[in-house]
Amino acid sequence: MTQLLHDYGLVLLFVFVAVESAGVPIPGETVLITAAVLANPQHHQYSLLWVIVVASLAAIIGDNIGYALGRYGGRALINRWGFVRRYADKALPPSERFFEKHGSKAVFFGRFVAVLRVTAAWLAGLSHMKWWKFFLWNAAGGILWATSVSLLAYWAGKKVAEAVGKYGLYAVIVLLVLGTAGFFGVRAWRKRMLD
């Protein structure tokens, strides 16, 4: 498995991030975090710069595929089933107004929220957001997301390795407790923000 990650890690990173960005709920961000940790000099796997570049390109390309699917195939798919069409007839006009007014923000910040990372691109396409506007905000969000997540994971991986090397099992226990508390804290914060 380690050799597979070493040989094809950047390819896997590209595939996972692009497919997630196109609208398939797979763990693209988790793969990005793993790749950034492996870019740590102690692991000697990848260059952090290449992790950021590959993830940025994958996010931009995947989102543009999702946008195209929503724009050119979404309505035909919706019209295929009567019960979906009846719902869409009510939901699409407000969605179109939302994307006309707030589409740039939704595309940019959607990159940082798990559910929106998977759905924002095809919703923008389905709502007929102008492609050039989508592309600019999508590229800005994708580059900032890839850079910030990679740098955070890289730094955290380096600090974890240093702590484990210095303090051994005690560091692992403290890091697990802190990680669990942080996970639930972020989850509660996101839930409050979305409600």
Protein backbone atom coordinates (compact mmCIF):
# COMPACT_ATOMS: atom_id res chain seq x y z
CA MET A 1 0.00 0.00 0.00
CA THR A 2 2.82 2.41 0.85
CA GLN A 3 4.46 1.76 -2.52
CA LEU A 4 1.12 2.36 -4.27
CA LEU A 5 0.77 5.73 -2.50
CA HIS A 6 4.37 6.60 -3.30
CA ASP A 7 4.07 5.70 -7.00
CA TYR A 8 0.53 6.90 -7.76
CA GLY A 9 -0.36 9.22 -4.89
CA LEU A 10 -0.62 12.39 -6.95
CA VAL A 11 -2.70 10.61 -9.59
CA LEU A 12 -5.03 9.29 -6.87
CA LEU A 13 -5.19 12.77 -5.36
CA PHE A 14 -6.22 14.23 -8.72
CA VAL A 15 -8.86 11.56 -9.34
CA PHE A 16 -10.43 11.75 -5.87
CA VAL A 17 -10.57 15.56 -5.72
CA ALA A 18 -11.84 15.89 -9.32
CA VAL A 19 -14.54 13.23 -8.93
CA GLU A 20 -15.71 14.72 -5.62
CA SER A 21 -15.78 18.19 -7.17
CA ALA A 22 -17.81 16.89 -10.14
CA GLY A 23 -20.55 15.78 -7.74
CA VAL A 24 -19.76 12.28 -6.48
CA PRO A 25 -19.57 12.15 -2.65
CA ILE A 26 -16.16 10.53 -2.13
CA PRO A 27 -13.44 11.62 0.36
CA GLY A 28 -11.43 14.00 -1.82
CA GLU A 29 -10.49 16.28 1.07
CA THR A 30 -9.31 13.30 3.12
CA VAL A 31 -7.03 12.23 0.26
CA LEU A 32 -5.71 15.81 0.05
CA ILE A 33 -4.93 15.80 3.77
CA THR A 34 -3.17 12.43 3.45
CA ALA A 35 -1.10 13.63 0.49
CA ALA A 36 -0.10 16.81 2.33
CA VAL A 37 0.98 14.83 5.41
CA LEU A 38 3.01 12.52 3.15
CA ALA A 39 4.65 15.62 1.68
CA ASN A 40 6.25 16.08 5.07
CA PRO A 41 10.05 15.90 4.68
CA GLN A 42 10.17 13.08 7.25
CA HIS A 43 8.16 10.88 4.88
CA HIS A 44 9.92 12.00 1.65
CA GLN A 45 6.91 11.17 -0.55
CA TYR A 46 5.92 14.27 -2.52
CA SER A 47 6.65 17.94 -2.85
CA LEU A 48 4.04 20.02 -1.01
CA LEU A 49 3.98 22.39 -3.97
CA TRP A 50 2.94 19.54 -6.29
CA VAL A 51 0.22 18.45 -3.85
CA ILE A 52 -1.21 21.98 -3.90
CA VAL A 53 -0.95 22.30 -7.70
CA VAL A 54 -2.54 18.89 -8.37
CA ALA A 55 -5.37 19.46 -5.86
CA SER A 56 -6.07 22.95 -7.24
CA LEU A 57 -6.24 21.71 -10.83
CA ALA A 58 -8.40 18.74 -9.83
CA ALA A 59 -10.82 20.99 -7.95
CA ILE A 60 -11.13 23.42 -10.85
CA ILE A 61 -11.48 20.74 -13.54
CA GLY A 62 -13.87 18.60 -11.49
CA ASP A 63 -16.08 21.58 -10.65
CA ASN A 64 -16.21 22.59 -14.31
CA ILE A 65 -17.29 19.06 -15.23
CA GLY A 66 -20.00 19.25 -12.54
CA TYR A 67 -21.06 22.66 -13.85
CA ALA A 68 -21.31 21.32 -17.42
CA LEU A 69 -23.30 18.29 -16.27
CA GLY A 70 -25.76 20.52 -14.42
CA ARG A 71 -25.98 23.09 -17.21
CA TYR A 72 -26.35 20.77 -20.20
CA GLY A 73 -27.83 17.60 -18.74
CA GLY A 74 -29.48 18.58 -15.48
CA ARG A 75 -32.80 19.79 -16.79
CA ALA A 76 -33.17 16.85 -19.18
CA LEU A 77 -32.59 14.50 -16.25
CA ILE A 78 -35.09 16.39 -14.09
CA ASN A 79 -37.72 16.35 -16.85
CA ARG A 80 -37.38 12.59 -17.20
CA TRP A 81 -39.29 11.90 -13.95
CA GLY A 82 -42.62 13.60 -13.23
CA PHE A 83 -42.30 13.74 -9.44
CA VAL A 84 -38.82 15.29 -9.72
CA ARG A 85 -40.02 17.78 -12.33
CA ARG A 86 -42.90 18.92 -10.09
CA TYR A 87 -40.46 19.53 -7.25
CA ALA A 88 -37.94 21.22 -9.55
CA ASP A 89 -40.60 23.54 -10.95
CA LYS A 90 -40.95 24.95 -7.43
CA ALA A 91 -37.29 24.77 -6.39
CA LEU A 92 -35.45 25.97 -9.52
CA PRO A 93 -36.79 29.54 -9.79
CA PRO A 94 -35.61 30.47 -6.25
CA SER A 95 -32.33 28.65 -6.92
CA GLU A 96 -31.82 30.64 -10.10
CA ARG A 97 -32.52 33.90 -8.25
CA PHE A 98 -30.13 32.85 -5.48
CA PHE A 99 -27.33 32.07 -7.92
CA GLU A 100 -27.98 35.31 -9.79
CA LYS A 101 -27.56 37.28 -6.57
CA HIS A 102 -25.17 35.14 -4.46
CA GLY A 103 -23.69 32.63 -6.91
CA SER A 104 -20.15 33.93 -6.62
CA LYS A 105 -20.12 33.59 -2.84
CA ALA A 106 -21.81 30.18 -2.96
CA VAL A 107 -19.26 28.81 -5.42
CA PHE A 108 -16.28 30.30 -3.56
CA PHE A 109 -17.30 29.34 0.00
CA GLY A 110 -18.95 26.09 -1.12
CA ARG A 111 -15.46 24.69 -1.63
CA PHE A 112 -14.94 24.78 2.16
CA VAL A 113 -18.19 23.02 3.18
CA ALA A 114 -18.39 19.26 2.59
CA VAL A 115 -21.95 19.05 1.20
CA LEU A 116 -21.57 22.18 -0.93
CA ARG A 117 -18.20 21.01 -2.25
CA VAL A 118 -20.06 18.13 -3.92
CA THR A 119 -23.18 20.02 -5.04
CA ALA A 120 -22.32 23.70 -5.71
CA ALA A 121 -20.91 23.17 -9.21
CA TRP A 122 -23.84 21.31 -10.70
CA LEU A 123 -26.32 23.58 -8.89
CA ALA A 124 -24.57 26.58 -10.47
CA GLY A 125 -24.82 24.91 -13.87
CA LEU A 126 -28.43 23.89 -13.34
CA SER A 127 -29.24 27.48 -12.32
CA HIS A 128 -27.52 28.81 -15.48
CA MET A 129 -24.92 30.87 -13.63
CA LYS A 130 -22.68 32.56 -16.20
CA TRP A 131 -19.73 30.23 -16.87
CA TRP A 132 -16.99 32.91 -16.77
CA LYS A 133 -18.26 34.08 -13.37
CA PHE A 134 -18.45 30.49 -12.14
CA PHE A 135 -14.94 29.77 -13.45
CA LEU A 136 -13.32 32.78 -11.76
CA TRP A 137 -14.87 32.21 -8.34
CA ASN A 138 -14.44 28.45 -8.60
CA ALA A 139 -10.75 28.82 -9.44
CA ALA A 140 -10.20 31.25 -6.56
CA GLY A 141 -11.99 28.94 -4.12
CA GLY A 142 -10.25 25.81 -5.40
CA ILE A 143 -6.78 27.32 -5.16
CA LEU A 144 -7.38 28.79 -1.70
CA TRP A 145 -8.94 25.52 -0.46
CA ALA A 146 -6.11 23.34 -1.80
CA THR A 147 -3.46 25.68 -0.42
CA SER A 148 -4.97 26.16 3.03
CA VAL A 149 -5.91 22.50 3.60
CA SER A 150 -2.51 21.32 2.34
CA LEU A 151 -0.52 23.77 4.46
CA LEU A 152 -2.57 23.00 7.57
CA ALA A 153 -2.23 19.22 7.09
CA TYR A 154 1.48 19.55 6.31
CA TRP A 155 2.13 21.65 9.41
CA ALA A 156 -0.03 19.43 11.64
CA GLY A 157 1.63 16.26 10.31
CA LYS A 158 5.05 17.70 11.02
CA LYS A 159 4.09 18.72 14.58
CA VAL A 160 2.46 15.35 15.29
CA ALA A 161 5.57 13.50 14.12
CA GLU A 162 7.76 15.71 16.31
CA ALA A 163 5.51 15.22 19.36
CA VAL A 164 5.35 11.43 18.93
CA GLY A 165 9.12 11.29 18.49
CA LYS A 166 9.69 13.31 21.64
CA TYR A 167 6.90 12.09 23.97
CA GLY A 168 5.93 8.68 22.56
CA LEU A 169 2.63 7.11 23.65
CA TYR A 170 1.62 10.10 25.79
CA ALA A 171 1.68 12.35 22.72
CA VAL A 172 -0.51 9.90 20.79
CA ILE A 173 -3.11 9.85 23.60
CA VAL A 174 -3.15 13.65 23.96
CA LEU A 175 -3.37 14.11 20.18
CA LEU A 176 -6.26 11.65 19.91
CA VAL A 177 -8.16 13.46 22.68
CA LEU A 178 -7.48 16.87 21.11
CA GLY A 179 -8.35 15.61 17.64
CA THR A 180 -11.64 14.12 18.85
CA ALA A 181 -12.56 17.30 20.72
CA GLY A 182 -11.64 19.40 17.71
CA PHE A 183 -13.66 17.20 15.36
CA PHE A 184 -16.81 17.45 17.46
CA GLY A 185 -16.23 21.16 18.07
CA VAL A 186 -15.98 21.92 14.34
CA ARG A 187 -18.97 19.68 13.64
CA ALA A 188 -21.11 21.52 16.23
CA TRP A 189 -19.96 24.90 14.87
CA ARG A 190 -20.84 23.92 11.28
CA LYS A 191 -24.24 22.65 12.39
CA ARG A 192 -24.96 25.97 14.14
CA MET A 193 -23.82 27.92 11.08
CA LEU A 194 -26.04 25.90 8.71
CA ASP A 195 -29.14 26.00 10.95
